[in-house]
Amino acid sequence: MNRTKTAVVALAMGVGLTVSGGVAVAAPVEAAAGEIGIQCTRQYVLASNATLRHSPGGSVKAYAFVGDKFNVPNPSGSWYYGNLYDQNNTHFGDGYILASALAYTGICF
């Protein structure tokens, strides 16, 4: 993908995730001094059952089960913010899940 197309795609998508054809996609990209720096969204799977929360330690928004996918744009801390999908790619919303319940798949998009 050339630089112009990459920048246009990044601007069109904005920051965070969108859903296209039932699949979560994100690629926030920033151009700086002729270079393209790519920040990817990491895909995790639930290694243990957990809850999706409105805020770290806050009220429960949805239940997440082993094998569900959790896409995280900026993993840091003990609570990760992202978007929860079940194994059929049904989106259950965004929120926070304890990082200890997640296993990184190696997929970064």
PDB file of N, CA and C in Angstrom:
ATOM      1  N   MET A   1       0.857  -1.166   0.000  1.00  0.00           N
ATOM      2  CA  MET A   1       0.000   0.000   0.000  1.00  0.00           C
ATOM      3  C   MET A   1       0.903   1.228   0.000  1.00  0.00           C
ATOM      4  N   ASN A   2       0.663   2.183  -0.896  1.00  0.00           N
ATOM      5  CA  ASN A   2       1.530   3.350  -0.944  1.00  0.00           C
ATOM      6  C   ASN A   2       1.189   4.328   0.176  1.00  0.00           C
ATOM      7  N   ARG A   3       2.066   5.316   0.355  1.00  0.00           N
ATOM      8  CA  ARG A   3       1.914   6.248   1.482  1.00  0.00           C
ATOM      9  C   ARG A   3       0.617   7.044   1.420  1.00  0.00           C
ATOM     10  N   THR A   4       0.271   7.530   0.246  1.00  0.00           N
ATOM     11  CA  THR A   4      -0.948   8.332   0.126  1.00  0.00           C
ATOM     12  C   THR A   4      -2.172   7.511   0.468  1.00  0.00           C
ATOM     13  N   LYS A   5      -2.250   6.306  -0.081  1.00  0.00           N
ATOM     14  CA  LYS A   5      -3.404   5.451   0.185  1.00  0.00           C
ATOM     15  C   LYS A   5      -3.475   5.091   1.666  1.00  0.00           C
ATOM     16  N   THR A   6      -2.319   4.811   2.281  1.00  0.00           N
ATOM     17  CA  THR A   6      -2.286   4.483   3.706  1.00  0.00           C
ATOM     18  C   THR A   6      -2.820   5.648   4.532  1.00  0.00           C
ATOM     19  N   ALA A   7      -2.382   6.861   4.219  1.00  0.00           N
ATOM     20  CA  ALA A   7      -2.835   8.033   4.966  1.00  0.00           C
ATOM     21  C   ALA A   7      -4.328   8.267   4.775  1.00  0.00           C
ATOM     22  N   VAL A   8      -4.824   8.082   3.555  1.00  0.00           N
ATOM     23  CA  VAL A   8      -6.249   8.275   3.286  1.00  0.00           C
ATOM     24  C   VAL A   8      -7.083   7.256   4.041  1.00  0.00           C
ATOM     25  N   VAL A   9      -6.641   5.994   4.037  1.00  0.00           N
ATOM     26  CA  VAL A   9      -7.358   4.950   4.773  1.00  0.00           C
ATOM     27  C   VAL A   9      -7.382   5.292   6.256  1.00  0.00           C
ATOM     28  N   ALA A  10      -6.254   5.745   6.787  1.00  0.00           N
ATOM     29  CA  ALA A  10      -6.180   6.088   8.207  1.00  0.00           C
ATOM     30  C   ALA A  10      -7.115   7.238   8.548  1.00  0.00           C
ATOM     31  N   LEU A  11      -7.158   8.254   7.703  1.00  0.00           N
ATOM     32  CA  LEU A  11      -8.047   9.383   7.964  1.00  0.00           C
ATOM     33  C   LEU A  11      -9.503   8.969   7.880  1.00  0.00           C
ATOM     34  N   ALA A  12      -9.820   8.101   6.945  1.00  0.00           N
ATOM     35  CA  ALA A  12     -11.199   7.644   6.793  1.00  0.00           C
ATOM     36  C   ALA A  12     -11.654   6.839   7.998  1.00  0.00           C
ATOM     37  N   MET A  13     -10.755   6.075   8.566  1.00  0.00           N
ATOM     38  CA  MET A  13     -11.126   5.206   9.678  1.00  0.00           C
ATOM     39  C   MET A  13     -11.118   5.941  11.006  1.00  0.00           C
ATOM     40  N   GLY A  14     -10.254   6.940  11.132  1.00  0.00           N
ATOM     41  CA  GLY A  14     -10.165   7.652  12.392  1.00  0.00           C
ATOM     42  C   GLY A  14      -9.491   6.798  13.447  1.00  0.00           C
ATOM     43  N   VAL A  15      -9.687   7.182  14.682  1.00  0.00           N
ATOM     44  CA  VAL A  15      -9.084   6.453  15.788  1.00  0.00           C
ATOM     45  C   VAL A  15     -10.084   5.451  16.324  1.00  0.00           C
ATOM     46  N   GLY A  16      -9.636   4.258  16.639  1.00  0.00           N
ATOM     47  CA  GLY A  16     -10.514   3.230  17.194  1.00  0.00           C
ATOM     48  C   GLY A  16     -10.933   2.227  16.147  1.00  0.00           C
ATOM     49  N   LEU A  17     -11.983   1.505  16.434  1.00  0.00           N
ATOM     50  CA  LEU A  17     -12.424   0.418  15.576  1.00  0.00           C
ATOM     51  C   LEU A  17     -13.697   0.764  14.838  1.00  0.00           C
ATOM     52  N   THR A  18     -13.809   0.187  13.655  1.00  0.00           N
ATOM     53  CA  THR A  18     -15.073   0.210  12.935  1.00  0.00           C
ATOM     54  C   THR A  18     -15.377  -1.218  12.535  1.00  0.00           C
ATOM     55  N   VAL A  19     -16.590  -1.494  12.157  1.00  0.00           N
ATOM     56  CA  VAL A  19     -16.944  -2.845  11.735  1.00  0.00           C
ATOM     57  C   VAL A  19     -17.292  -2.794  10.261  1.00  0.00           C
ATOM     58  N   SER A  20     -16.626  -3.637   9.482  1.00  0.00           N
ATOM     59  CA  SER A  20     -16.850  -3.693   8.047  1.00  0.00           C
ATOM     60  C   SER A  20     -17.068  -5.142   7.660  1.00  0.00           C
ATOM     61  N   GLY A  21     -18.257  -5.467   7.209  1.00  0.00           N
ATOM     62  CA  GLY A  21     -18.549  -6.839   6.822  1.00  0.00           C
ATOM     63  C   GLY A  21     -18.475  -7.808   7.979  1.00  0.00           C
ATOM     64  N   GLY A  22     -18.789  -7.342   9.184  1.00  0.00           N
ATOM     65  CA  GLY A  22     -18.778  -8.222  10.349  1.00  0.00           C
ATOM     66  C   GLY A  22     -17.402  -8.446  10.942  1.00  0.00           C
ATOM     67  N   VAL A  23     -16.381  -7.765  10.420  1.00  0.00           N
ATOM     68  CA  VAL A  23     -15.023  -7.942  10.925  1.00  0.00           C
ATOM     69  C   VAL A  23     -14.523  -6.606  11.456  1.00  0.00           C
ATOM     70  N   ALA A  24     -13.917  -6.628  12.622  1.00  0.00           N
ATOM     71  CA  ALA A  24     -13.382  -5.402  13.204  1.00  0.00           C
ATOM     72  C   ALA A  24     -12.107  -5.020  12.474  1.00  0.00           C
ATOM     73  N   VAL A  25     -12.026  -3.763  12.087  1.00  0.00           N
ATOM     74  CA  VAL A  25     -10.830  -3.287  11.408  1.00  0.00           C
ATOM     75  C   VAL A  25     -10.396  -1.975  12.030  1.00  0.00           C
ATOM     76  N   ALA A  26      -9.094  -1.784  12.123  1.00  0.00           N
ATOM     77  CA  ALA A  26      -8.562  -0.525  12.603  1.00  0.00           C
ATOM     78  C   ALA A  26      -7.107  -0.424  12.219  1.00  0.00           C
ATOM     79  N   ALA A  27      -6.706   0.753  11.852  1.00  0.00           N
ATOM     80  CA  ALA A  27      -5.302   0.993  11.551  1.00  0.00           C
ATOM     81  C   ALA A  27      -5.007   2.473  11.688  1.00  0.00           C
ATOM     82  N   PRO A  28      -5.056   3.009  12.907  1.00  0.00           N
ATOM     83  CA  PRO A  28      -4.692   4.407  13.057  1.00  0.00           C
ATOM     84  C   PRO A  28      -3.263   4.611  12.556  1.00  0.00           C
ATOM     85  N   VAL A  29      -3.084   5.525  11.646  1.00  0.00           N
ATOM     86  CA  VAL A  29      -1.772   5.768  11.053  1.00  0.00           C
ATOM     87  C   VAL A  29      -1.497   7.255  11.128  1.00  0.00           C
ATOM     88  N   GLU A  30      -0.256   7.599  11.408  1.00  0.00           N
ATOM     89  CA  GLU A  30       0.091   9.003  11.431  1.00  0.00           C
ATOM     90  C   GLU A  30       1.305   9.240  10.545  1.00  0.00           C
ATOM     91  N   ALA A  31       1.289  10.307   9.771  1.00  0.00           N
ATOM     92  CA  ALA A  31       2.402  10.648   8.892  1.00  0.00           C
ATOM     93  C   ALA A  31       3.249  11.706   9.577  1.00  0.00           C
ATOM     94  N   ALA A  32       4.560  11.511   9.549  1.00  0.00           N
ATOM     95  CA  ALA A  32       5.455  12.477  10.167  1.00  0.00           C
ATOM     96  C   ALA A  32       6.721  12.602   9.331  1.00  0.00           C
ATOM     97  N   ALA A  33       6.986  13.788   8.834  1.00  0.00           N
ATOM     98  CA  ALA A  33       8.207  14.103   8.099  1.00  0.00           C
ATOM     99  C   ALA A  33       8.524  13.067   7.026  1.00  0.00           C
ATOM    100  N   GLY A  34       7.534  12.727   6.224  1.00  0.00           N
ATOM    101  CA  GLY A  34       7.764  11.804   5.121  1.00  0.00           C
ATOM    102  C   GLY A  34       7.755  10.342   5.499  1.00  0.00           C
ATOM    103  N   GLU A  35       7.563  10.034   6.758  1.00  0.00           N
ATOM    104  CA  GLU A  35       7.518   8.637   7.184  1.00  0.00           C
ATOM    105  C   GLU A  35       6.109   8.297   7.646  1.00  0.00           C
ATOM    106  N   ILE A  36       5.785   7.041   7.556  1.00  0.00           N
ATOM    107  CA  ILE A  36       4.495   6.572   8.048  1.00  0.00           C
ATOM    108  C   ILE A  36       4.762   5.742   9.297  1.00  0.00           C
ATOM    109  N   GLY A  37       4.180   6.149  10.431  1.00  0.00           N
ATOM    110  CA  GLY A  37       4.280   5.371  11.662  1.00  0.00           C
ATOM    111  C   GLY A  37       2.967   4.635  11.846  1.00  0.00           C
ATOM    112  N   ILE A  38       3.016   3.335  11.975  1.00  0.00           N
ATOM    113  CA  ILE A  38       1.789   2.553  12.069  1.00  0.00           C
ATOM    114  C   ILE A  38       1.566   2.086  13.494  1.00  0.00           C
ATOM    115  N   GLN A  39       0.403   2.400  14.012  1.00  0.00           N
ATOM    116  CA  GLN A  39      -0.013   1.923  15.322  1.00  0.00           C
ATOM    117  C   GLN A  39      -1.136   0.931  15.063  1.00  0.00           C
ATOM    118  N   CYS A  40      -0.948  -0.303  15.467  1.00  0.00           N
ATOM    119  CA  CYS A  40      -1.949  -1.317  15.142  1.00  0.00           C
ATOM    120  C   CYS A  40      -2.831  -1.647  16.345  1.00  0.00           C
ATOM    121  N   THR A  41      -3.955  -2.252  16.040  1.00  0.00           N
ATOM    122  CA  THR A  41      -4.852  -2.771  17.062  1.00  0.00           C
ATOM    123  C   THR A  41      -4.505  -4.237  17.269  1.00  0.00           C
ATOM    124  N   ARG A  42      -4.290  -4.633  18.510  1.00  0.00           N
ATOM    125  CA  ARG A  42      -3.938  -6.029  18.817  1.00  0.00           C
ATOM    126  C   ARG A  42      -5.183  -6.846  19.101  1.00  0.00           C
ATOM    127  N   GLN A  43      -5.172  -8.068  18.599  1.00  0.00           N
ATOM    128  CA  GLN A  43      -6.299  -8.964  18.858  1.00  0.00           C
ATOM    129  C   GLN A  43      -5.913  -9.953  19.960  1.00  0.00           C
ATOM    130  N   TYR A  44      -6.760 -10.048  20.963  1.00  0.00           N
ATOM    131  CA  TYR A  44      -6.590 -10.984  22.064  1.00  0.00           C
ATOM    132  C   TYR A  44      -7.758 -11.958  22.048  1.00  0.00           C
ATOM    133  N   VAL A  45      -7.566 -13.109  22.679  1.00  0.00           N
ATOM    134  CA  VAL A  45      -8.679 -14.022  22.928  1.00  0.00           C
ATOM    135  C   VAL A  45      -8.791 -14.181  24.433  1.00  0.00           C
ATOM    136  N   LEU A  46      -9.995 -14.498  24.884  1.00  0.00           N
ATOM    137  CA  LEU A  46     -10.210 -14.717  26.305  1.00  0.00           C
ATOM    138  C   LEU A  46      -9.618 -16.064  26.695  1.00  0.00           C
ATOM    139  N   ALA A  47      -8.673 -16.051  27.621  1.00  0.00           N
ATOM    140  CA  ALA A  47      -8.068 -17.277  28.132  1.00  0.00           C
ATOM    141  C   ALA A  47      -8.875 -17.815  29.309  1.00  0.00           C
ATOM    142  N   SER A  48      -9.696 -16.951  29.894  1.00  0.00           N
ATOM    143  CA  SER A  48     -10.606 -17.349  30.970  1.00  0.00           C
ATOM    144  C   SER A  48     -11.851 -16.465  30.870  1.00  0.00           C
ATOM    145  N   ASN A  49     -12.952 -16.934  31.413  1.00  0.00           N
ATOM    146  CA  ASN A  49     -14.179 -16.138  31.391  1.00  0.00           C
ATOM    147  C   ASN A  49     -13.949 -14.828  32.142  1.00  0.00           C
ATOM    148  N   ALA A  50     -14.556 -13.755  31.653  1.00  0.00           N
ATOM    149  CA  ALA A  50     -14.364 -12.437  32.255  1.00  0.00           C
ATOM    150  C   ALA A  50     -15.614 -11.594  32.015  1.00  0.00           C
ATOM    151  N   THR A  51     -15.563 -10.370  32.480  1.00  0.00           N
ATOM    152  CA  THR A  51     -16.667  -9.440  32.253  1.00  0.00           C
ATOM    153  C   THR A  51     -16.147  -8.196  31.551  1.00  0.00           C
ATOM    154  N   LEU A  52     -16.935  -7.696  30.620  1.00  0.00           N
ATOM    155  CA  LEU A  52     -16.669  -6.418  29.964  1.00  0.00           C
ATOM    156  C   LEU A  52     -17.288  -5.352  30.862  1.00  0.00           C
ATOM    157  N   ARG A  53     -16.503  -4.347  31.227  1.00  0.00           N
ATOM    158  CA  ARG A  53     -16.956  -3.329  32.179  1.00  0.00           C
ATOM    159  C   ARG A  53     -17.042  -1.953  31.523  1.00  0.00           C
ATOM    160  N   HIS A  54     -17.923  -1.115  32.068  1.00  0.00           N
ATOM    161  CA  HIS A  54     -18.056   0.261  31.581  1.00  0.00           C
ATOM    162  C   HIS A  54     -16.797   1.074  31.871  1.00  0.00           C
ATOM    163  N   SER A  55     -16.140   0.787  32.979  1.00  0.00           N
ATOM    164  CA  SER A  55     -14.906   1.444  33.388  1.00  0.00           C
ATOM    165  C   SER A  55     -14.092   0.410  34.157  1.00  0.00           C
ATOM    166  N   PRO A  56     -12.793   0.640  34.361  1.00  0.00           N
ATOM    167  CA  PRO A  56     -12.001  -0.329  35.118  1.00  0.00           C
ATOM    168  C   PRO A  56     -12.623  -0.597  36.492  1.00  0.00           C
ATOM    169  N   GLY A  57     -13.029  -1.827  36.738  1.00  0.00           N
ATOM    170  CA  GLY A  57     -13.656  -2.197  37.999  1.00  0.00           C
ATOM    171  C   GLY A  57     -15.093  -1.731  38.135  1.00  0.00           C
ATOM    172  N   GLY A  58     -15.637  -1.107  37.089  1.00  0.00           N
ATOM    173  CA  GLY A  58     -16.995  -0.565  37.132  1.00  0.00           C
ATOM    174  C   GLY A  58     -18.060  -1.623  36.901  1.00  0.00           C
ATOM    175  N   SER A  59     -19.252  -1.158  36.573  1.00  0.00           N
ATOM    176  CA  SER A  59     -20.383  -2.070  36.396  1.00  0.00           C
ATOM    177  C   SER A  59     -20.215  -2.939  35.147  1.00  0.00           C
ATOM    178  N   VAL A  60     -20.827  -4.124  35.197  1.00  0.00           N
ATOM    179  CA  VAL A  60     -20.714  -5.104  34.115  1.00  0.00           C
ATOM    180  C   VAL A  60     -21.561  -4.667  32.928  1.00  0.00           C
ATOM    181  N   LYS A  61     -20.966  -4.711  31.751  1.00  0.00           N
ATOM    182  CA  LYS A  61     -21.641  -4.359  30.508  1.00  0.00           C
ATOM    183  C   LYS A  61     -22.023  -5.616  29.727  1.00  0.00           C
ATOM    184  N   ALA A  62     -21.145  -6.637  29.748  1.00  0.00           N
ATOM    185  CA  ALA A  62     -21.394  -7.902  29.038  1.00  0.00           C
ATOM    186  C   ALA A  62     -20.477  -8.969  29.619  1.00  0.00           C
ATOM    187  N   TYR A  63     -20.813 -10.214  29.360  1.00  0.00           N
ATOM    188  CA  TYR A  63     -19.983 -11.334  29.800  1.00  0.00           C
ATOM    189  C   TYR A  63     -19.159 -11.834  28.626  1.00  0.00           C
ATOM    190  N   ALA A  64     -17.898 -12.129  28.895  1.00  0.00           N
ATOM    191  CA  ALA A  64     -16.982 -12.623  27.869  1.00  0.00           C
ATOM    192  C   ALA A  64     -16.553 -14.034  28.254  1.00  0.00           C
ATOM    193  N   PHE A  65     -16.482 -14.903  27.256  1.00  0.00           N
ATOM    194  CA  PHE A  65     -16.179 -16.307  27.508  1.00  0.00           C
ATOM    195  C   PHE A  65     -14.913 -16.740  26.783  1.00  0.00           C
ATOM    196  N   VAL A  66     -14.301 -17.801  27.277  1.00  0.00           N
ATOM    197  CA  VAL A  66     -13.083 -18.341  26.677  1.00  0.00           C
ATOM    198  C   VAL A  66     -13.294 -18.486  25.172  1.00  0.00           C
ATOM    199  N   GLY A  67     -12.342 -17.961  24.403  1.00  0.00           N
ATOM    200  CA  GLY A  67     -12.408 -18.036  22.945  1.00  0.00           C
ATOM    201  C   GLY A  67     -12.962 -16.791  22.282  1.00  0.00           C
ATOM    202  N   ASP A  68     -13.663 -15.923  23.049  1.00  0.00           N
ATOM    203  CA  ASP A  68     -14.141 -14.664  22.480  1.00  0.00           C
ATOM    204  C   ASP A  68     -12.942 -13.788  22.127  1.00  0.00           C
ATOM    205  N   LYS A  69     -13.139 -12.846  21.202  1.00  0.00           N
ATOM    206  CA  LYS A  69     -12.065 -11.956  20.763  1.00  0.00           C
ATOM    207  C   LYS A  69     -12.229 -10.578  21.392  1.00  0.00           C
ATOM    208  N   PHE A  70     -11.096  -9.967  21.711  1.00  0.00           N
ATOM    209  CA  PHE A  70     -11.091  -8.628  22.284  1.00  0.00           C
ATOM    210  C   PHE A  70     -10.014  -7.831  21.562  1.00  0.00           C
ATOM    211  N   ASN A  71     -10.415  -6.821  20.798  1.00  0.00           N
ATOM    212  CA  ASN A  71      -9.491  -6.016  20.008  1.00  0.00           C
ATOM    213  C   ASN A  71      -9.119  -4.755  20.773  1.00  0.00           C
ATOM    214  N   VAL A  72      -7.815  -4.572  20.992  1.00  0.00           N
ATOM    215  CA  VAL A  72      -7.301  -3.520  21.870  1.00  0.00           C
ATOM    216  C   VAL A  72      -6.389  -2.570  21.089  1.00  0.00           C
ATOM    217  N   PRO A  73      -6.770  -1.290  20.958  1.00  0.00           N
ATOM    218  CA  PRO A  73      -5.924  -0.354  20.224  1.00  0.00           C
ATOM    219  C   PRO A  73      -4.663   0.076  20.983  1.00  0.00           C
ATOM    220  N   ASN A  74      -4.715   0.187  22.298  1.00  0.00           N
ATOM    221  CA  ASN A  74      -3.568   0.659  23.088  1.00  0.00           C
ATOM    222  C   ASN A  74      -3.451  -0.118  24.392  1.00  0.00           C
ATOM    223  N   PRO A  75      -2.877  -1.328  24.355  1.00  0.00           N
ATOM    224  CA  PRO A  75      -2.788  -2.114  25.585  1.00  0.00           C
ATOM    225  C   PRO A  75      -1.818  -1.502  26.597  1.00  0.00           C
ATOM    226  N   SER A  76      -2.313  -1.233  27.793  1.00  0.00           N
ATOM    227  CA  SER A  76      -1.457  -0.762  28.882  1.00  0.00           C
ATOM    228  C   SER A  76      -2.223  -0.886  30.192  1.00  0.00           C
ATOM    229  N   GLY A  77      -1.493  -1.102  31.253  1.00  0.00           N
ATOM    230  CA  GLY A  77      -2.104  -1.220  32.567  1.00  0.00           C
ATOM    231  C   GLY A  77      -2.721  -2.590  32.799  1.00  0.00           C
ATOM    232  N   SER A  78      -3.484  -2.716  33.877  1.00  0.00           N
ATOM    233  CA  SER A  78      -4.084  -4.010  34.204  1.00  0.00           C
ATOM    234  C   SER A  78      -5.476  -4.174  33.607  1.00  0.00           C
ATOM    235  N   TRP A  79      -6.095  -3.077  33.165  1.00  0.00           N
ATOM    236  CA  TRP A  79      -7.390  -3.118  32.467  1.00  0.00           C
ATOM    237  C   TRP A  79      -7.169  -2.644  31.043  1.00  0.00           C
ATOM    238  N   TYR A  80      -7.559  -3.464  30.070  1.00  0.00           N
ATOM    239  CA  TYR A  80      -7.433  -3.079  28.665  1.00  0.00           C
ATOM    240  C   TYR A  80      -8.781  -2.595  28.148  1.00  0.00           C
ATOM    241  N   TYR A  81      -8.744  -1.488  27.408  1.00  0.00           N
ATOM    242  CA  TYR A  81      -9.944  -0.976  26.754  1.00  0.00           C
ATOM    243  C   TYR A  81      -9.977  -1.505  25.320  1.00  0.00           C
ATOM    244  N   GLY A  82     -11.131  -1.991  24.885  1.00  0.00           N
ATOM    245  CA  GLY A  82     -11.249  -2.474  23.515  1.00  0.00           C
ATOM    246  C   GLY A  82     -12.669  -2.850  23.163  1.00  0.00           C
ATOM    247  N   ASN A  83     -12.799  -3.606  22.079  1.00  0.00           N
ATOM    248  CA  ASN A  83     -14.096  -4.048  21.561  1.00  0.00           C
ATOM    249  C   ASN A  83     -14.191  -5.558  21.659  1.00  0.00           C
ATOM    250  N   LEU A  84     -15.310  -6.035  22.187  1.00  0.00           N
ATOM    251  CA  LEU A  84     -15.532  -7.464  22.418  1.00  0.00           C
ATOM    252  C   LEU A  84     -16.371  -8.071  21.298  1.00  0.00           C
ATOM    253  N   TYR A  85     -15.900  -9.212  20.781  1.00  0.00           N
ATOM    254  CA  TYR A  85     -16.606  -9.981  19.750  1.00  0.00           C
ATOM    255  C   TYR A  85     -16.665 -11.432  20.195  1.00  0.00           C
ATOM    256  N   ASP A  86     -17.786 -12.094  19.933  1.00  0.00           N
ATOM    257  CA  ASP A  86     -17.841 -13.523  20.240  1.00  0.00           C
ATOM    258  C   ASP A  86     -17.180 -14.300  19.098  1.00  0.00           C
ATOM    259  N   GLN A  87     -17.232 -15.617  19.176  1.00  0.00           N
ATOM    260  CA  GLN A  87     -16.553 -16.453  18.186  1.00  0.00           C
ATOM    261  C   GLN A  87     -17.218 -16.404  16.814  1.00  0.00           C
ATOM    262  N   ASN A  88     -18.427 -15.820  16.734  1.00  0.00           N
ATOM    263  CA  ASN A  88     -19.120 -15.640  15.451  1.00  0.00           C
ATOM    264  C   ASN A  88     -18.994 -14.208  14.940  1.00  0.00           C
ATOM    265  N   ASN A  89     -18.097 -13.429  15.541  1.00  0.00           N
ATOM    266  CA  ASN A  89     -17.853 -12.022  15.204  1.00  0.00           C
ATOM    267  C   ASN A  89     -19.032 -11.098  15.501  1.00  0.00           C
ATOM    268  N   THR A  90     -19.880 -11.461  16.451  1.00  0.00           N
ATOM    269  CA  THR A  90     -20.947 -10.569  16.901  1.00  0.00           C
ATOM    270  C   THR A  90     -20.338  -9.566  17.877  1.00  0.00           C
ATOM    271  N   HIS A  91     -20.543  -8.286  17.619  1.00  0.00           N
ATOM    272  CA  HIS A  91     -19.967  -7.237  18.456  1.00  0.00           C
ATOM    273  C   HIS A  91     -20.812  -7.046  19.714  1.00  0.00           C
ATOM    274  N   PHE A  92     -20.174  -7.112  20.879  1.00  0.00           N
ATOM    275  CA  PHE A  92     -20.879  -6.945  22.149  1.00  0.00           C
ATOM    276  C   PHE A  92     -20.601  -5.604  22.803  1.00  0.00           C
ATOM    277  N   GLY A  93     -19.886  -4.735  22.133  1.00  0.00           N
ATOM    278  CA  GLY A  93     -19.637  -3.405  22.657  1.00  0.00           C
ATOM    279  C   GLY A  93     -18.190  -3.177  23.040  1.00  0.00           C
ATOM    280  N   ASP A  94     -17.946  -1.963  23.474  1.00  0.00           N
ATOM    281  CA  ASP A  94     -16.610  -1.594  23.914  1.00  0.00           C
ATOM    282  C   ASP A  94     -16.609  -1.452  25.424  1.00  0.00           C
ATOM    283  N   GLY A  95     -15.437  -1.587  26.002  1.00  0.00           N
ATOM    284  CA  GLY A  95     -15.309  -1.472  27.440  1.00  0.00           C
ATOM    285  C   GLY A  95     -13.970  -2.003  27.906  1.00  0.00           C
ATOM    286  N   TYR A  96     -13.907  -2.359  29.165  1.00  0.00           N
ATOM    287  CA  TYR A  96     -12.659  -2.764  29.812  1.00  0.00           C
ATOM    288  C   TYR A  96     -12.723  -4.214  30.269  1.00  0.00           C
ATOM    289  N   ILE A  97     -11.622  -4.938  30.050  1.00  0.00           N
ATOM    290  CA  ILE A  97     -11.464  -6.313  30.529  1.00  0.00           C
ATOM    291  C   ILE A  97     -10.102  -6.408  31.199  1.00  0.00           C
ATOM    292  N   LEU A  98     -10.036  -7.163  32.289  1.00  0.00           N
ATOM    293  CA  LEU A  98      -8.755  -7.378  32.967  1.00  0.00           C
ATOM    294  C   LEU A  98      -7.765  -8.040  32.014  1.00  0.00           C
ATOM    295  N   ALA A  99      -6.576  -7.475  31.921  1.00  0.00           N
ATOM    296  CA  ALA A  99      -5.547  -7.989  31.019  1.00  0.00           C
ATOM    297  C   ALA A  99      -5.180  -9.434  31.344  1.00  0.00           C
ATOM    298  N   SER A 100      -5.273  -9.817  32.603  1.00  0.00           N
ATOM    299  CA  SER A 100      -4.890 -11.175  33.011  1.00  0.00           C
ATOM    300  C   SER A 100      -5.808 -12.248  32.430  1.00  0.00           C
ATOM    301  N   ALA A 101      -6.983 -11.862  31.922  1.00  0.00           N
ATOM    302  CA  ALA A 101      -7.926 -12.818  31.325  1.00  0.00           C
ATOM    303  C   ALA A 101      -7.679 -13.001  29.832  1.00  0.00           C
ATOM    304  N   LEU A 102      -6.717 -12.245  29.280  1.00  0.00           N
ATOM    305  CA  LEU A 102      -6.506 -12.220  27.836  1.00  0.00           C
ATOM    306  C   LEU A 102      -5.205 -12.888  27.419  1.00  0.00           C
ATOM    307  N   ALA A 103      -5.214 -13.458  26.222  1.00  0.00           N
ATOM    308  CA  ALA A 103      -4.007 -14.031  25.615  1.00  0.00           C
ATOM    309  C   ALA A 103      -3.841 -13.399  24.238  1.00  0.00           C
ATOM    310  N   TYR A 104      -2.675 -12.816  23.981  1.00  0.00           N
ATOM    311  CA  TYR A 104      -2.410 -12.158  22.698  1.00  0.00           C
ATOM    312  C   TYR A 104      -2.290 -13.201  21.596  1.00  0.00           C
ATOM    313  N   THR A 105      -2.977 -12.965  20.482  1.00  0.00           N
ATOM    314  CA  THR A 105      -2.989 -13.924  19.372  1.00  0.00           C
ATOM    315  C   THR A 105      -1.814 -13.745  18.427  1.00  0.00           C
ATOM    316  N   GLY A 106      -1.113 -12.625  18.538  1.00  0.00           N
ATOM    317  CA  GLY A 106      -0.051 -12.318  17.589  1.00  0.00           C
ATOM    318  C   GLY A 106      -0.576 -11.563  16.382  1.00  0.00           C
ATOM    319  N   ILE A 107      -1.890 -11.339  16.333  1.00  0.00           N
ATOM    320  CA  ILE A 107      -2.503 -10.615  15.217  1.00  0.00           C
ATOM    321  C   ILE A 107      -2.553  -9.131  15.557  1.00  0.00           C
ATOM    322  N   CYS A 108      -2.044  -8.337  14.637  1.00  0.00           N
ATOM    323  CA  CYS A 108      -2.027  -6.887  14.804  1.00  0.00           C
ATOM    324  C   CYS A 108      -2.485  -6.281  13.488  1.00  0.00           C
ATOM    325  N   PHE A 109      -3.570  -5.521  13.513  1.00  0.00           N
ATOM    326  CA  PHE A 109      -4.103  -4.957  12.261  1.00  0.00           C
ATOM    327  C   PHE A 109      -4.407  -3.486  12.406  1.00  0.00           C
TER     328      PHE A 109
END
